[in-house]
Amino acid sequence: MLVLTLHVIACGWIYIGKNNEGSWITDFNSKDGKKEDYDLYITSFYWVVTTLTTIGYGDFKGFTINEYLYTMFVEFAGIAFFSFIMGSINNVFFTDDDMDIIEEQLERVNIWLVKLDNSRMKKTLPEIIYLAIGEFIKESLGYDHKKLITGFEFLE
């Protein structure tokens, strides 16, 4: 699917270049003479990969408004693609089991806070502190829950 997407974007880059005067193809052909279609495709595919991966060396770039607009579209697609990949990698490292552990620990903290509050006769724990402690523990567990779970007897 990825290669097909790269192929379609590369073909679009060639199409825009061939249908605009003073395009990237004009610049590309002016360097060493008219290139074969194979050279245009490889160069276009290279441009797509460097643009989508946000490397963008700048050795091939657009010269017309249409090429600039297409480049912006491809850059935004690259951002979306990169975000998708990072989210997928994050899901590999942060599974539903991890969320279950965090939820279980948060429930234990809530029980502890209720017990703490019930053990005091005259004053109750202010709700804002109760919520702040819960939020702090939740963020801490989400950040590095394994270290917190195994490293602190408090949670046991």
Foldseek 3Di string as FASTA:
>chain_A
DVVVVLQVLLVVLVVVQVPDPPWLQVVVCVPPHHDDVVVSSVVSSVQLVCLLCVVCPPPGATDDPVRVVSSVVSNVVSVVVVVVVVVVVVCVVCDVVLVVVLVVLLVLVLVVLVVVQVVDDPDGDDPVVVVVVSVVSSVVCVVPVVCVVVPDPVSD
